[in-house]
C-alpha atoms as a PDB file:
ATOM      1  CA  UNK A   1     165.119  97.105 143.164  1.00  0.00           C
ATOM      2  CA  UNK A   2     167.033  97.036 146.453  1.00  0.00           C
ATOM      3  CA  UNK A   3     167.012  93.215 146.505  1.00  0.00           C
ATOM      4  CA  UNK A   4     167.959  92.997 142.832  1.00  0.00           C
ATOM      5  CA  UNK A   5     170.967  95.220 143.432  1.00  0.00           C
ATOM      6  CA  UNK A   6     171.974  93.331 146.554  1.00  0.00           C
ATOM      7  CA  UNK A   7     171.645  90.039 144.739  1.00  0.00           C
ATOM      8  CA  UNK A   8     173.805  91.131 141.854  1.00  0.00           C
ATOM      9  CA  UNK A   9     176.314  92.853 144.120  1.00  0.00           C
ATOM     10  CA  UNK A  10     177.080  90.205 146.713  1.00  0.00           C
ATOM     11  CA  UNK A  11     179.184  87.816 144.666  1.00  0.00           C
ATOM     12  CA  UNK A  12     180.794  85.348 147.010  1.00  0.00           C
ATOM     13  CA  UNK A  13     182.302  82.090 145.892  1.00  0.00           C
ATOM     14  CA  UNK A  14     183.077  79.031 147.932  1.00  0.00           C
ATOM     15  CA  UNK A  15     186.631  78.267 148.964  1.00  0.00           C
ATOM     16  CA  UNK A  16     188.574  77.148 145.928  1.00  0.00           C
ATOM     17  CA  UNK A  17     185.603  77.342 143.580  1.00  0.00           C
ATOM     18  CA  UNK A  18     187.395  79.612 141.161  1.00  0.00           C
ATOM     19  CA  UNK A  19     190.395  77.283 141.115  1.00  0.00           C
ATOM     20  CA  UNK A  20     188.259  74.275 140.146  1.00  0.00           C
ATOM     21  CA  UNK A  21     188.161  75.181 136.473  1.00  0.00           C
ATOM     22  CA  UNK A  22     187.280  72.362 134.123  1.00  0.00           C
ATOM     23  CA  UNK A  23     189.759  73.317 131.419  1.00  0.00           C
ATOM     24  CA  UNK A  24     192.879  74.980 132.766  1.00  0.00           C
ATOM     25  CA  UNK A  25     194.765  74.439 129.500  1.00  0.00           C
ATOM     26  CA  UNK A  26     192.677  77.075 127.741  1.00  0.00           C
ATOM     27  CA  UNK A  27     193.229  79.476 130.596  1.00  0.00           C
ATOM     28  CA  UNK A  28     197.023  79.314 130.671  1.00  0.00           C
ATOM     29  CA  UNK A  29     199.186  82.164 129.580  1.00  0.00           C
ATOM     30  CA  UNK A  30     202.748  81.453 128.479  1.00  0.00           C
ATOM     31  CA  UNK A  31     202.296  77.874 129.712  1.00  0.00           C
ATOM     32  CA  UNK A  32     201.535  79.088 133.249  1.00  0.00           C
ATOM     33  CA  UNK A  33     198.310  78.444 135.146  1.00  0.00           C
ATOM     34  CA  UNK A  34     196.856  81.772 136.331  1.00  0.00           C
ATOM     35  CA  UNK A  35     197.098  82.660 140.007  1.00  0.00           C
ATOM     36  CA  UNK A  36     193.872  82.907 142.029  1.00  0.00           C
ATOM     37  CA  UNK A  37     194.102  86.724 141.854  1.00  0.00           C
ATOM     38  CA  UNK A  38     194.540  86.597 138.053  1.00  0.00           C
ATOM     39  CA  UNK A  39     191.540  84.275 137.783  1.00  0.00           C
ATOM     40  CA  UNK A  40     189.293  86.511 139.920  1.00  0.00           C
ATOM     41  CA  UNK A  41     190.479  89.613 138.055  1.00  0.00           C
ATOM     42  CA  UNK A  42     189.672  87.990 134.696  1.00  0.00           C
ATOM     43  CA  UNK A  43     186.272  86.812 135.976  1.00  0.00           C
ATOM     44  CA  UNK A  44     185.499  90.324 137.253  1.00  0.00           C
ATOM     45  CA  UNK A  45     186.452  91.871 133.914  1.00  0.00           C
ATOM     46  CA  UNK A  46     184.184  89.426 132.060  1.00  0.00           C
ATOM     47  CA  UNK A  47     181.124  89.736 134.333  1.00  0.00           C
ATOM     48  CA  UNK A  48     179.595  92.501 132.174  1.00  0.00           C
ATOM     49  CA  UNK A  49     179.447  90.186 129.134  1.00  0.00           C
ATOM     50  CA  UNK A  50     176.057  88.599 128.471  1.00  0.00           C
ATOM     51  CA  UNK A  51     174.761  89.898 131.794  1.00  0.00           C
ATOM     52  CA  UNK A  52     177.242  87.705 133.697  1.00  0.00           C
ATOM     53  CA  UNK A  53     176.325  84.438 131.991  1.00  0.00           C
ATOM     54  CA  UNK A  54     179.516  84.211 129.892  1.00  0.00           C
ATOM     55  CA  UNK A  55     181.733  84.583 132.977  1.00  0.00           C
ATOM     56  CA  UNK A  56     179.690  82.009 134.897  1.00  0.00           C
ATOM     57  CA  UNK A  57     179.883  79.500 132.043  1.00  0.00           C
ATOM     58  CA  UNK A  58     183.640  79.998 131.725  1.00  0.00           C
ATOM     59  CA  UNK A  59     184.728  79.955 135.389  1.00  0.00           C
ATOM     60  CA  UNK A  60     182.049  78.168 137.410  1.00  0.00           C
ATOM     61  CA  UNK A  61     182.093  74.403 137.814  1.00  0.00           C
ATOM     62  CA  UNK A  62     179.275  72.041 138.872  1.00  0.00           C
ATOM     63  CA  UNK A  63     180.545  72.514 142.464  1.00  0.00           C
ATOM     64  CA  UNK A  64     180.829  76.323 142.494  1.00  0.00           C
ATOM     65  CA  UNK A  65     178.723  77.795 145.286  1.00  0.00           C
ATOM     66  CA  UNK A  66     177.564  81.373 144.696  1.00  0.00           C
ATOM     67  CA  UNK A  67     176.175  83.103 147.781  1.00  0.00           C
ATOM     68  CA  UNK A  68     174.201  86.321 147.368  1.00  0.00           C
ATOM     69  CA  UNK A  69     173.929  87.101 151.045  1.00  0.00           C
ATOM     70  CA  UNK A  70     170.325  87.397 152.181  1.00  0.00           C
ATOM     71  CA  UNK A  71     168.943  86.604 148.723  1.00  0.00           C
ATOM     72  CA  UNK A  72     170.049  83.217 147.376  1.00  0.00           C
ATOM     73  CA  UNK A  73     172.661  80.486 147.210  1.00  0.00           C
ATOM     74  CA  UNK A  74     173.270  78.580 143.992  1.00  0.00           C
ATOM     75  CA  UNK A  75     175.412  75.564 143.179  1.00  0.00           C
ATOM     76  CA  UNK A  76     176.795  75.051 139.685  1.00  0.00           C
ATOM     77  CA  UNK A  77     176.473  76.758 136.342  1.00  0.00           C
ATOM     78  CA  UNK A  78     172.789  76.016 135.693  1.00  0.00           C
ATOM     79  CA  UNK A  79     171.526  77.361 139.026  1.00  0.00           C
ATOM     80  CA  UNK A  80     173.730  80.460 138.762  1.00  0.00           C
ATOM     81  CA  UNK A  81     172.549  81.370 135.263  1.00  0.00           C
ATOM     82  CA  UNK A  82     168.935  80.665 136.269  1.00  0.00           C
ATOM     83  CA  UNK A  83     169.402  83.103 139.160  1.00  0.00           C
ATOM     84  CA  UNK A  84     170.526  85.795 136.702  1.00  0.00           C
ATOM     85  CA  UNK A  85     167.402  85.160 134.591  1.00  0.00           C
ATOM     86  CA  UNK A  86     164.973  84.908 137.519  1.00  0.00           C
ATOM     87  CA  UNK A  87     161.530  86.530 137.443  1.00  0.00           C
ATOM     88  CA  UNK A  88     161.413  89.838 139.263  1.00  0.00           C
ATOM     89  CA  UNK A  89     164.963  90.838 138.307  1.00  0.00           C
ATOM     90  CA  UNK A  90     165.078  94.468 137.273  1.00  0.00           C
ATOM     91  CA  UNK A  91     164.779  94.627 133.483  1.00  0.00           C
ATOM     92  CA  UNK A  92     166.618  97.973 133.561  1.00  0.00           C
ATOM     93  CA  UNK A  93     169.931  96.328 134.500  1.00  0.00           C
ATOM     94  CA  UNK A  94     171.722  95.536 131.251  1.00  0.00           C
ATOM     95  CA  UNK A  95     175.139  94.889 132.802  1.00  0.00           C
ATOM     96  CA  UNK A  96     177.114  94.986 136.009  1.00  0.00           C
ATOM     97  CA  UNK A  97     180.691  96.247 135.978  1.00  0.00           C
ATOM     98  CA  UNK A  98     183.016  95.214 138.810  1.00  0.00           C
ATOM     99  CA  UNK A  99     185.640  97.803 139.704  1.00  0.00           C
ATOM    100  CA  UNK A 100     188.178  96.130 141.977  1.00  0.00           C
ATOM    101  CA  UNK A 101     189.354  98.586 144.617  1.00  0.00           C
ATOM    102  CA  UNK A 102     191.541  96.125 146.553  1.00  0.00           C
ATOM    103  CA  UNK A 103     192.401  92.454 146.187  1.00  0.00           C
ATOM    104  CA  UNK A 104     194.305  89.957 148.329  1.00  0.00           C
ATOM    105  CA  UNK A 105     194.811  86.204 148.334  1.00  0.00           C
ATOM    106  CA  UNK A 106     195.564  83.513 150.877  1.00  0.00           C
ATOM    107  CA  UNK A 107     196.096  80.347 148.856  1.00  0.00           C
ATOM    108  CA  UNK A 108     192.971  79.846 146.720  1.00  0.00           C
ATOM    109  CA  UNK A 109     190.902  82.284 148.779  1.00  0.00           C
ATOM    110  CA  UNK A 110     190.669  85.717 147.167  1.00  0.00           C
ATOM    111  CA  UNK A 111     189.174  88.699 148.964  1.00  0.00           C
ATOM    112  CA  UNK A 112     187.987  91.634 146.891  1.00  0.00           C
ATOM    113  CA  UNK A 113     186.768  95.082 147.771  1.00  0.00           C
ATOM    114  CA  UNK A 114     184.681  96.187 144.800  1.00  0.00           C
ATOM    115  CA  UNK A 115     182.466  98.883 143.476  1.00  0.00           C
ATOM    116  CA  UNK A 116     179.748  97.181 141.445  1.00  0.00           C
ATOM    117  CA  UNK A 117     178.124  99.511 138.938  1.00  0.00           C
ATOM    118  CA  UNK A 118     174.704  98.591 137.575  1.00  0.00           C
ATOM    119  CA  UNK A 119     174.093 100.096 134.146  1.00  0.00           C
ATOM    120  CA  UNK A 120     171.312 100.362 131.577  1.00  0.00           C
ATOM    121  CA  UNK A 121     171.673  99.316 127.943  1.00  0.00           C
ATOM    122  CA  UNK A 122     172.585 102.910 127.027  1.00  0.00           C
ATOM    123  CA  UNK A 123     175.477 102.821 129.537  1.00  0.00           C
ATOM    124  CA  UNK A 124     173.887 105.151 132.079  1.00  0.00           C
ATOM    125  CA  UNK A 125     174.358 104.130 135.693  1.00  0.00           C
ATOM    126  CA  UNK A 126     171.391 102.927 137.729  1.00  0.00           C
ATOM    127  CA  UNK A 127     173.258 102.478 141.002  1.00  0.00           C
ATOM    128  CA  UNK A 128     176.590 101.490 142.506  1.00  0.00           C
ATOM    129  CA  UNK A 129     177.259  99.301 145.529  1.00  0.00           C
ATOM    130  CA  UNK A 130     180.517  99.029 147.441  1.00  0.00           C
ATOM    131  CA  UNK A 131     181.058  95.550 148.811  1.00  0.00           C
ATOM    132  CA  UNK A 132     183.509  92.854 149.726  1.00  0.00           C
ATOM    133  CA  UNK A 133     183.450  89.294 148.520  1.00  0.00           C
ATOM    134  CA  UNK A 134     185.492  86.136 148.846  1.00  0.00           C
END
């Protein structure tokens, strides 16, 4: 369980990966391309949908590198979704909710301090992990 929580908690994306969206036109608001902070905030809000797969399909590109420190590194949408569906993943975790405690950007690099809450299908909390990611 410890490794499953660490794997789900340590979301780190490569430099600029979030800005390499395939279809920015569908992600514009009022004709404006979202800032890196807006993109990461939207991704974080969507991570609970479909156990993270919907957010990965929407924001990851074939070049997105996802590092789960000490557990795995994936490249692209297919590897990332396969990681979420891997054998040995705790079946009790129905969703992960990212609560952003602090966020800052330097160009396309976005640093977040988060509280990741792992919940069961009934909404009860399994565990929470405080972490930072870029």
